[in-house]
C-alpha atoms as a PDB file:
ATOM      1  CA  MET A   1       0.271  -0.147   0.296  1.00  0.00           C
ATOM      2  CA  PRO A   2       1.132   3.142  -1.135  1.00  0.00           C
ATOM      3  CA  GLY A   3       3.014   4.991   2.146  1.00  0.00           C
ATOM      4  CA  CYS A   4       3.241   2.048   4.243  1.00  0.00           C
ATOM      5  CA  VAL A   5       6.620   0.597   5.582  1.00  0.00           C
ATOM      6  CA  PRO A   6       7.467  -2.195   7.578  1.00  0.00           C
ATOM      7  CA  GLY A   7       6.265  -1.879  11.170  1.00  0.00           C
ATOM      8  CA  ASP A   8       2.946   0.100  10.093  1.00  0.00           C
ATOM      9  CA  ARG A   9      -0.061  -0.969  11.458  1.00  0.00           C
ATOM     10  CA  LEU A  10      -3.186  -1.086   8.517  1.00  0.00           C
ATOM     11  CA  HIS A  11      -6.442   0.408   9.610  1.00  0.00           C
ATOM     12  CA  ARG A  12      -9.643   1.591   8.464  1.00  0.00           C
ATOM     13  CA  GLY A  13     -10.261   5.338   8.594  1.00  0.00           C
ATOM     14  CA  ILE A  14     -13.577   6.444   6.790  1.00  0.00           C
ATOM     15  CA  GLY A  15     -13.697   5.324   3.525  1.00  0.00           C
ATOM     16  CA  ARG A  16     -10.311   4.814   3.138  1.00  0.00           C
ATOM     17  CA  TRP A  17      -7.376   2.520   4.652  1.00  0.00           C
ATOM     18  CA  SER A  18      -4.016   4.166   5.402  1.00  0.00           C
ATOM     19  CA  CYS A  19      -1.079   2.771   7.617  1.00  0.00           C
ATOM     20  CA  ARG A  20       0.007   5.069  10.183  1.00  0.00           C
ATOM     21  CA  TRP A  21      -2.339   6.551  13.209  1.00  0.00           C
ATOM     22  CA  SER A  22      -2.424  10.064  14.595  1.00  0.00           C
ATOM     23  CA  THR A  23      -1.857  10.546  17.974  1.00  0.00           C
ATOM     24  CA  GLN A  24      -5.471  10.691  19.346  1.00  0.00           C
ATOM     25  CA  GLU A  25      -5.795   7.417  17.618  1.00  0.00           C
ATOM     26  CA  ALA A  26      -2.880   5.603  18.896  1.00  0.00           C
ATOM     27  CA  HIS A  27      -4.252   6.680  22.301  1.00  0.00           C
ATOM     28  CA  GLN A  28      -7.653   5.281  21.923  1.00  0.00           C
ATOM     29  CA  VAL A  29      -6.263   2.121  20.003  1.00  0.00           C
ATOM     30  CA  ARG A  30      -3.765   1.551  23.177  1.00  0.00           C
ATOM     31  CA  GLN A  31      -6.811   1.666  25.280  1.00  0.00           C
ATOM     32  CA  VAL A  32      -9.496  -0.829  23.283  1.00  0.00           C
ATOM     33  CA  ASP A  33      -5.986  -3.755  22.461  1.00  0.00           C
ATOM     34  CA  ALA A  34      -6.620  -3.634  26.558  1.00  0.00           C
ATOM     35  CA  VAL A  35     -10.162  -4.771  26.167  1.00  0.00           C
ATOM     36  CA  SER A  36      -9.744  -6.427  23.002  1.00  0.00           C
ATOM     37  CA  GLU A  37     -10.109  -5.943  19.278  1.00  0.00           C
ATOM     38  CA  ILE A  38     -13.076  -3.997  17.764  1.00  0.00           C
ATOM     39  CA  ASP A  39     -14.021  -2.283  14.725  1.00  0.00           C
ATOM     40  CA  VAL A  40     -12.247   1.138  15.540  1.00  0.00           C
ATOM     41  CA  LEU A  41     -15.302   2.715  13.363  1.00  0.00           C
ATOM     42  CA  THR A  42     -17.744   2.063  17.044  1.00  0.00           C
ATOM     43  CA  LEU A  43     -15.031   4.887  19.147  1.00  0.00           C
ATOM     44  CA  PRO A  44     -16.277   8.164  19.839  1.00  0.00           C
ATOM     45  CA  TYR A  45     -13.668   9.992  17.437  1.00  0.00           C
ATOM     46  CA  TYR A  46     -15.217   8.261  14.226  1.00  0.00           C
ATOM     47  CA  SER A  47     -18.582   8.948  15.731  1.00  0.00           C
ATOM     48  CA  ALA A  48     -20.306  11.050  12.310  1.00  0.00           C
ATOM     49  CA  ALA A  49     -22.691  13.314  14.667  1.00  0.00           C
ATOM     50  CA  PRO A  50     -23.379  13.519  18.243  1.00  0.00           C
ATOM     51  CA  ALA A  51     -25.725  11.568  20.330  1.00  0.00           C
ATOM     52  CA  PRO A  52     -28.875  13.592  21.014  1.00  0.00           C
ATOM     53  CA  SER A  53     -29.285  15.075  23.998  1.00  0.00           C
ATOM     54  CA  PRO A  54     -32.307  13.556  26.504  1.00  0.00           C
ATOM     55  CA  SER A  55     -35.463  15.075  27.008  1.00  0.00           C
ATOM     56  CA  PRO A  56     -38.131  14.114  29.560  1.00  0.00           C
ATOM     57  CA  SER A  57     -39.366  11.882  27.354  1.00  0.00           C
ATOM     58  CA  SER A  58     -35.880  10.097  27.009  1.00  0.00           C
ATOM     59  CA  PRO A  59     -34.005  10.426  30.058  1.00  0.00           C
ATOM     60  CA  PRO A  60     -30.267   9.497  30.263  1.00  0.00           C
ATOM     61  CA  SER A  61     -31.023   6.577  32.350  1.00  0.00           C
ATOM     62  CA  ALA A  62     -34.375   4.169  31.666  1.00  0.00           C
ATOM     63  CA  GLY A  63     -37.619   4.685  33.010  1.00  0.00           C
ATOM     64  CA  PRO A  64     -39.932   7.849  32.520  1.00  0.00           C
ATOM     65  CA  PHE A  65     -38.393  11.152  33.401  1.00  0.00           C
ATOM     66  CA  PRO A  66     -37.386  12.283  36.011  1.00  0.00           C
ATOM     67  CA  ALA A  67     -35.708   9.047  36.692  1.00  0.00           C
ATOM     68  CA  GLY A  68     -32.464   9.019  35.695  1.00  0.00           C
ATOM     69  CA  SER A  69     -28.933   9.403  37.505  1.00  0.00           C
ATOM     70  CA  TYR A  70     -28.027  13.120  37.337  1.00  0.00           C
ATOM     71  CA  THR A  71     -24.648  15.229  38.586  1.00  0.00           C
ATOM     72  CA  LEU A  72     -26.389  18.328  40.485  1.00  0.00           C
ATOM     73  CA  GLN A  73     -23.863  21.189  40.581  1.00  0.00           C
ATOM     74  CA  THR A  74     -24.290  23.910  43.510  1.00  0.00           C
ATOM     75  CA  PHE A  75     -22.011  25.926  45.986  1.00  0.00           C
ATOM     76  CA  LEU A  76     -22.213  26.648  49.400  1.00  0.00           C
ATOM     77  CA  ASP A  77     -24.441  29.383  49.849  1.00  0.00           C
ATOM     78  CA  THR A  78     -25.162  30.174  53.718  1.00  0.00           C
ATOM     79  CA  THR A  79     -24.789  28.503  57.249  1.00  0.00           C
ATOM     80  CA  SER A  80     -25.583  28.856  60.422  1.00  0.00           C
ATOM     81  CA  SER A  81     -24.647  27.473  64.053  1.00  0.00           C
ATOM     82  CA  ASN A  82     -27.357  28.827  66.453  1.00  0.00           C
ATOM     83  CA  CYS A  83     -28.298  25.123  67.833  1.00  0.00           C
ATOM     84  CA  THR A  84     -25.540  24.299  69.656  1.00  0.00           C
ATOM     85  CA  SER A  85     -23.441  26.558  71.940  1.00  0.00           C
ATOM     86  CA  ASN A  86     -20.341  25.115  70.389  1.00  0.00           C
ATOM     87  CA  PRO A  87     -20.509  26.590  66.883  1.00  0.00           C
ATOM     88  CA  ALA A  88     -17.001  24.488  66.455  1.00  0.00           C
ATOM     89  CA  SER A  89     -19.042  21.075  66.452  1.00  0.00           C
ATOM     90  CA  TRP A  90     -21.359  22.398  63.807  1.00  0.00           C
ATOM     91  CA  ASN A  91     -19.796  22.373  59.969  1.00  0.00           C
ATOM     92  CA  CYS A  92     -20.606  22.890  56.471  1.00  0.00           C
ATOM     93  CA  GLN A  93     -18.654  21.412  53.793  1.00  0.00           C
ATOM     94  CA  PRO A  94     -16.661  22.567  51.643  1.00  0.00           C
ATOM     95  CA  SER A  95     -16.806  25.343  54.684  1.00  0.00           C
ATOM     96  CA  VAL A  96     -16.269  27.672  52.155  1.00  0.00           C
ATOM     97  CA  THR A  97     -19.711  30.222  51.296  1.00  0.00           C
ATOM     98  CA  TYR A  98     -20.186  31.482  47.611  1.00  0.00           C
ATOM     99  CA  ALA A  99     -19.986  34.871  49.468  1.00  0.00           C
ATOM    100  CA  THR A 100     -16.254  34.609  49.935  1.00  0.00           C
ATOM    101  CA  SER A 101     -15.428  32.326  46.891  1.00  0.00           C
ATOM    102  CA  PRO A 102     -17.140  31.861  43.900  1.00  0.00           C
ATOM    103  CA  THR A 103     -14.915  28.689  43.313  1.00  0.00           C
ATOM    104  CA  ASP A 104     -14.191  27.188  46.613  1.00  0.00           C
ATOM    105  CA  SER A 105     -17.520  27.423  47.350  1.00  0.00           C
ATOM    106  CA  MET A 106     -18.508  24.350  44.847  1.00  0.00           C
ATOM    107  CA  ALA A 107     -20.062  21.615  45.942  1.00  0.00           C
ATOM    108  CA  THR A 108     -21.505  18.919  43.948  1.00  0.00           C
ATOM    109  CA  PHE A 109     -24.001  15.625  44.094  1.00  0.00           C
ATOM    110  CA  ASN A 110     -24.500  12.619  42.852  1.00  0.00           C
ATOM    111  CA  TRP A 111     -27.773  11.606  43.104  1.00  0.00           C
ATOM    112  CA  ILE A 112     -30.234   8.381  41.602  1.00  0.00           C
ATOM    113  CA  ILE A 113     -33.914   9.017  40.789  1.00  0.00           C
ATOM    114  CA  ALA A 114     -36.288   5.710  40.623  1.00  0.00           C
ATOM    115  CA  ALA A 115     -39.573   4.682  39.264  1.00  0.00           C
ATOM    116  CA  SER A 116     -42.012   2.299  40.336  1.00  0.00           C
ATOM    117  CA  GLY A 117     -45.816   1.650  39.448  1.00  0.00           C
ATOM    118  CA  GLN A 118     -47.590   2.909  35.736  1.00  0.00           C
ATOM    119  CA  GLY A 119     -50.085   5.649  35.473  1.00  0.00           C
ATOM    120  CA  SER A 120     -51.422   7.132  38.572  1.00  0.00           C
ATOM    121  CA  SER A 121     -49.991   5.323  40.605  1.00  0.00           C
ATOM    122  CA  GLN A 122     -46.340   5.815  39.024  1.00  0.00           C
ATOM    123  CA  THR A 123     -44.230   7.049  41.789  1.00  0.00           C
ATOM    124  CA  PHE A 124     -40.777   8.083  41.965  1.00  0.00           C
ATOM    125  CA  THR A 125     -37.851   7.979  44.922  1.00  0.00           C
ATOM    126  CA  ILE A 126     -34.545   9.387  45.520  1.00  0.00           C
ATOM    127  CA  SER A 127     -31.360   8.082  46.625  1.00  0.00           C
ATOM    128  CA  SER A 128     -27.391   9.669  47.117  1.00  0.00           C
ATOM    129  CA  THR A 129     -24.191   7.972  46.514  1.00  0.00           C
ATOM    130  CA  ASP A 130     -21.159   8.669  48.008  1.00  0.00           C
ATOM    131  CA  ASN A 131     -20.446  12.124  48.337  1.00  0.00           C
ATOM    132  CA  PRO A 132     -17.478  14.097  50.844  1.00  0.00           C
ATOM    133  CA  PHE A 133     -20.477  15.270  52.323  1.00  0.00           C
ATOM    134  CA  ALA A 134     -21.495  13.031  54.571  1.00  0.00           C
ATOM    135  CA  ILE A 135     -25.167  13.882  53.311  1.00  0.00           C
ATOM    136  CA  ASP A 136     -26.615  10.276  52.937  1.00  0.00           C
ATOM    137  CA  PHE A 137     -30.232   9.270  51.871  1.00  0.00           C
ATOM    138  CA  SER A 138     -32.023   5.977  50.537  1.00  0.00           C
ATOM    139  CA  SER A 139     -35.486   6.011  48.599  1.00  0.00           C
ATOM    140  CA  ALA A 140     -36.625   9.036  49.803  1.00  0.00           C
ATOM    141  CA  THR A 141     -39.777  10.059  48.341  1.00  0.00           C
ATOM    142  CA  LEU A 142     -40.129  12.647  45.304  1.00  0.00           C
ATOM    143  CA  SER A 143     -43.264  15.065  45.062  1.00  0.00           C
ATOM    144  CA  LEU A 144     -44.086  16.822  42.468  1.00  0.00           C
ATOM    145  CA  VAL A 145     -44.839  20.710  43.416  1.00  0.00           C
ATOM    146  CA  GLY A 146     -46.204  23.953  41.137  1.00  0.00           C
ATOM    147  CA  SER A 147     -47.059  21.769  37.967  1.00  0.00           C
ATOM    148  CA  GLY A 148     -46.593  23.632  35.015  1.00  0.00           C
ATOM    149  CA  THR A 149     -45.536  26.622  36.521  1.00  0.00           C
ATOM    150  CA  PRO A 150     -42.239  28.308  35.661  1.00  0.00           C
ATOM    151  CA  ASN A 151     -41.651  27.405  39.591  1.00  0.00           C
ATOM    152  CA  GLU A 152     -42.090  23.481  38.562  1.00  0.00           C
ATOM    153  CA  ARG A 153     -40.489  21.315  40.715  1.00  0.00           C
ATOM    154  CA  TYR A 154     -39.638  17.917  42.374  1.00  0.00           C
ATOM    155  CA  THR A 155     -39.312  17.783  46.287  1.00  0.00           C
ATOM    156  CA  PHE A 156     -38.268  15.746  48.982  1.00  0.00           C
ATOM    157  CA  THR A 157     -37.679  15.956  52.468  1.00  0.00           C
ATOM    158  CA  THR A 158     -35.980  12.785  54.808  1.00  0.00           C
ATOM    159  CA  ASN A 159     -33.620  12.414  57.772  1.00  0.00           C
ATOM    160  CA  VAL A 160     -29.990  12.093  57.620  1.00  0.00           C
ATOM    161  CA  GLN A 161     -27.319  12.125  60.698  1.00  0.00           C
ATOM    162  CA  LYS A 162     -24.848  14.569  60.200  1.00  0.00           C
ATOM    163  CA  ASN A 163     -21.313  14.722  62.506  1.00  0.00           C
ATOM    164  CA  GLY A 164     -18.621  17.075  63.666  1.00  0.00           C
ATOM    165  CA  PHE A 165     -15.448  16.721  65.119  1.00  0.00           C
ATOM    166  CA  PRO A 166     -14.733  20.279  66.636  1.00  0.00           C
ATOM    167  CA  SER A 167     -11.464  19.054  68.038  1.00  0.00           C
ATOM    168  CA  PHE A 168      -9.156  16.083  66.569  1.00  0.00           C
ATOM    169  CA  ASN A 169     -10.349  13.872  69.508  1.00  0.00           C
ATOM    170  CA  VAL A 170     -13.936  14.942  69.774  1.00  0.00           C
ATOM    171  CA  LYS A 171     -17.182  14.189  67.731  1.00  0.00           C
ATOM    172  CA  CYS A 172     -20.407  14.987  67.912  1.00  0.00           C
ATOM    173  CA  PHE A 173     -23.934  13.878  66.511  1.00  0.00           C
ATOM    174  CA  PHE A 174     -26.627  16.253  65.207  1.00  0.00           C
ATOM    175  CA  ASN A 175     -29.130  12.823  64.560  1.00  0.00           C
ATOM    176  CA  ASP A 176     -32.286  13.365  62.806  1.00  0.00           C
ATOM    177  CA  THR A 177     -30.872  16.246  60.772  1.00  0.00           C
ATOM    178  CA  GLN A 178     -33.380  16.937  58.386  1.00  0.00           C
ATOM    179  CA  PHE A 179     -32.368  17.389  54.648  1.00  0.00           C
ATOM    180  CA  THR A 180     -34.540  19.220  52.304  1.00  0.00           C
ATOM    181  CA  ALA A 181     -34.139  19.827  48.530  1.00  0.00           C
ATOM    182  CA  ASN A 182     -35.991  21.386  45.721  1.00  0.00           C
ATOM    183  CA  MET A 183     -35.340  20.216  42.241  1.00  0.00           C
ATOM    184  CA  TYR A 184     -36.645  23.002  39.480  1.00  0.00           C
ATOM    185  CA  THR A 185     -37.943  21.541  36.187  1.00  0.00           C
ATOM    186  CA  LYS A 186     -38.246  24.933  34.518  1.00  0.00           C
ATOM    187  CA  LYS A 187     -35.962  27.489  36.460  1.00  0.00           C
ATOM    188  CA  PRO A 188     -32.618  28.422  34.717  1.00  0.00           C
ATOM    189  CA  LYS A 189     -29.261  27.420  37.237  1.00  0.00           C
ATOM    190  CA  SER A 190     -26.546  30.349  37.057  1.00  0.00           C
ATOM    191  CA  TYR A 191     -24.292  29.201  38.682  1.00  0.00           C
ATOM    192  CA  PRO A 192     -21.425  26.609  38.009  1.00  0.00           C
ATOM    193  CA  SER A 193     -21.360  26.544  34.574  1.00  0.00           C
ATOM    194  CA  ASN A 194     -22.138  24.189  32.434  1.00  0.00           C
ATOM    195  CA  SER A 195     -18.605  23.001  32.390  1.00  0.00           C
ATOM    196  CA  ALA A 196     -17.575  20.419  35.328  1.00  0.00           C
ATOM    197  CA  SER A 197     -14.654  22.181  37.111  1.00  0.00           C
ATOM    198  CA  PRO A 198     -16.110  25.914  36.547  1.00  0.00           C
ATOM    199  CA  SER A 199     -12.947  28.812  36.584  1.00  0.00           C
ATOM    200  CA  PRO A 200     -13.498  31.826  39.060  1.00  0.00           C
ATOM    201  CA  SER A 201     -13.460  33.782  36.239  1.00  0.00           C
ATOM    202  CA  SER A 202     -17.136  36.142  35.759  1.00  0.00           C
ATOM    203  CA  SER A 203     -17.966  34.531  32.595  1.00  0.00           C
ATOM    204  CA  ALA A 204     -17.745  30.506  34.079  1.00  0.00           C
ATOM    205  CA  VAL A 205     -19.576  31.784  37.677  1.00  0.00           C
ATOM    206  CA  GLY A 206     -22.127  34.367  35.508  1.00  0.00           C
ATOM    207  CA  ALA A 207     -23.024  31.769  32.561  1.00  0.00           C
ATOM    208  CA  VAL A 208     -26.964  30.960  32.761  1.00  0.00           C
ATOM    209  CA  ALA A 209     -28.216  26.961  31.594  1.00  0.00           C
ATOM    210  CA  THR A 210     -31.169  28.232  29.225  1.00  0.00           C
ATOM    211  CA  GLY A 211     -34.215  25.560  30.504  1.00  0.00           C
ATOM    212  CA  THR A 212     -34.887  23.559  27.438  1.00  0.00           C
ATOM    213  CA  GLY A 213     -36.918  20.878  29.022  1.00  0.00           C
ATOM    214  CA  SER A 214     -33.956  18.973  28.889  1.00  0.00           C
ATOM    215  CA  ALA A 215     -31.822  17.796  32.359  1.00  0.00           C
ATOM    216  CA  GLY A 216     -29.112  17.403  30.793  1.00  0.00           C
ATOM    217  CA  ALA A 217     -27.021  15.657  28.506  1.00  0.00           C
ATOM    218  CA  PRO A 218     -23.969  12.995  29.961  1.00  0.00           C
ATOM    219  CA  SER A 219     -21.226  14.616  31.945  1.00  0.00           C
ATOM    220  CA  GLY A 220     -19.238  12.031  32.459  1.00  0.00           C
ATOM    221  CA  GLY A 221     -19.918   8.236  33.535  1.00  0.00           C
ATOM    222  CA  ASP A 222     -23.614   7.110  33.514  1.00  0.00           C
ATOM    223  CA  PHE A 223     -24.348  10.558  34.957  1.00  0.00           C
ATOM    224  CA  ALA A 224     -26.148  13.723  33.112  1.00  0.00           C
ATOM    225  CA  ASN A 225     -25.882  17.412  34.465  1.00  0.00           C
ATOM    226  CA  TRP A 226     -29.337  18.580  36.360  1.00  0.00           C
ATOM    227  CA  ASN A 227     -29.130  21.706  34.138  1.00  0.00           C
ATOM    228  CA  PHE A 228     -32.091  23.197  36.534  1.00  0.00           C
ATOM    229  CA  ALA A 229     -32.182  24.938  39.601  1.00  0.00           C
ATOM    230  CA  VAL A 230     -31.521  23.235  42.821  1.00  0.00           C
ATOM    231  CA  GLU A 231     -32.022  24.646  46.506  1.00  0.00           C
ATOM    232  CA  ALA A 232     -30.991  22.081  49.415  1.00  0.00           C
ATOM    233  CA  ARG A 233     -30.553  22.607  52.945  1.00  0.00           C
ATOM    234  CA  GLN A 234     -29.444  20.564  55.803  1.00  0.00           C
ATOM    235  CA  SER A 235     -31.335  22.207  58.980  1.00  0.00           C
ATOM    236  CA  ILE A 236     -31.668  21.268  62.858  1.00  0.00           C
ATOM    237  CA  GLY A 237     -33.211  22.884  65.865  1.00  0.00           C
ATOM    238  CA  GLY A 238     -31.699  23.191  69.177  1.00  0.00           C
ATOM    239  CA  GLY A 239     -33.021  20.414  71.498  1.00  0.00           C
ATOM    240  CA  VAL A 240     -31.564  17.857  74.341  1.00  0.00           C
ATOM    241  CA  ASP A 241     -28.528  16.072  72.858  1.00  0.00           C
ATOM    242  CA  VAL A 242     -28.208  18.809  70.225  1.00  0.00           C
ATOM    243  CA  PRO A 243     -25.455  17.457  70.384  1.00  0.00           C
ATOM    244  CA  ALA A 244     -24.475  14.854  71.705  1.00  0.00           C
ATOM    245  CA  CYS A 245     -20.919  15.145  71.930  1.00  0.00           C
ATOM    246  CA  TYR A 246     -18.452  12.573  72.572  1.00  0.00           C
ATOM    247  CA  LYS A 247     -14.304  11.724  73.062  1.00  0.00           C
ATOM    248  CA  TRP A 248     -13.296  10.645  70.125  1.00  0.00           C
ATOM    249  CA  ILE A 249     -10.133   7.428  70.577  1.00  0.00           C
ATOM    250  CA  ASN A 250      -8.464   5.518  67.358  1.00  0.00           C
ATOM    251  CA  GLY A 251     -11.947   6.184  65.176  1.00  0.00           C
ATOM    252  CA  GLN A 252     -13.894   5.164  68.104  1.00  0.00           C
ATOM    253  CA  VAL A 253     -16.617   6.720  70.514  1.00  0.00           C
ATOM    254  CA  GLY A 254     -15.641   7.369  73.948  1.00  0.00           C
ATOM    255  CA  SER A 255     -17.487   8.610  76.874  1.00  0.00           C
ATOM    256  CA  ARG A 256     -19.476  11.643  76.932  1.00  0.00           C
ATOM    257  CA  ILE A 257     -18.855  15.020  76.596  1.00  0.00           C
ATOM    258  CA  THR A 258     -21.440  17.729  78.691  1.00  0.00           C
ATOM    259  CA  SER A 259     -18.416  19.995  79.338  1.00  0.00           C
ATOM    260  CA  GLY A 260     -19.002  23.555  77.472  1.00  0.00           C
ATOM    261  CA  TYR A 261     -22.210  22.380  75.601  1.00  0.00           C
ATOM    262  CA  THR A 262     -25.938  23.659  76.820  1.00  0.00           C
ATOM    263  CA  VAL A 263     -28.910  23.251  75.525  1.00  0.00           C
ATOM    264  CA  GLU A 264     -29.885  26.249  72.945  1.00  0.00           C
ATOM    265  CA  PRO A 265     -33.483  26.584  72.134  1.00  0.00           C
ATOM    266  CA  ALA A 266     -35.845  24.673  69.715  1.00  0.00           C
ATOM    267  CA  GLU A 267     -36.080  27.456  66.910  1.00  0.00           C
ATOM    268  CA  ASN A 268     -32.337  28.302  67.137  1.00  0.00           C
ATOM    269  CA  PHE A 269     -31.291  26.473  64.113  1.00  0.00           C
ATOM    270  CA  CYS A 270     -28.149  25.282  61.885  1.00  0.00           C
ATOM    271  CA  SER A 271     -28.051  24.603  59.085  1.00  0.00           C
ATOM    272  CA  CYS A 272     -25.975  24.288  55.422  1.00  0.00           C
ATOM    273  CA  ALA A 273     -27.734  25.505  52.480  1.00  0.00           C
ATOM    274  CA  TYR A 274     -27.144  25.116  49.274  1.00  0.00           C
ATOM    275  CA  LYS A 275     -28.384  26.223  46.086  1.00  0.00           C
ATOM    276  CA  ASN A 276     -27.165  26.843  41.689  1.00  0.00           C
ATOM    277  CA  TYR A 277     -28.811  30.211  40.609  1.00  0.00           C
ATOM    278  CA  ASP A 278     -28.079  33.193  41.374  1.00  0.00           C
ATOM    279  CA  PRO A 279     -27.673  34.559  45.072  1.00  0.00           C
END
């Protein structure tokens, strides 16, 4: 074949055969050869047209909208530690609010929505996946609010256990912390941008995702961006055992600590509020 020399590898491109791999092709083939020999025409590099964006009738995972696996990019908006006499015992990750740093306040959640039943009896539940903020919940019921309005949203409320470490050898438990979230279906988000790694520039912070009726295009793996407004809040009022603190020794709970802790009124709340639209 013209242009070929011993040691070159024949491969088929689009409508032709050639001998040498480009840098990008060579990288792709090394990955493919590690698994099995397949036609390189199946690689994304040779895709003739981009895959269509999902829509409410065709979500990223099997099932009716909003069933699917979603990445929700938010930022830590506000915090409060009024439920405890020791503010250090309550913490909100990533510990920096939007007002302090639009970039460092970024908080990303991966949630999975499952559908069950059919027709009028159909229900949706939502579960968390592993996340660095320890907001873990399973099979919380989703409810549709404001159907057909600009504020249409799916909402849920569930209880989670939140822990705090006011010092190296002390662990505090905020049992039955309430976690509430609203996932809008029409209201656009305005922070962060659609980029998975928003920069601190004004263009990234101020970018607005237009609501198109789609939950979002896949952002990596099996998760898709939720390209609409989201707000979520952890909260708990003061009271007895809020928090319950113990010595923490070699990863084990020790004796109860009460010194330095007084019971705060129930109307005094601790909270961590997240959102992804213009504050």
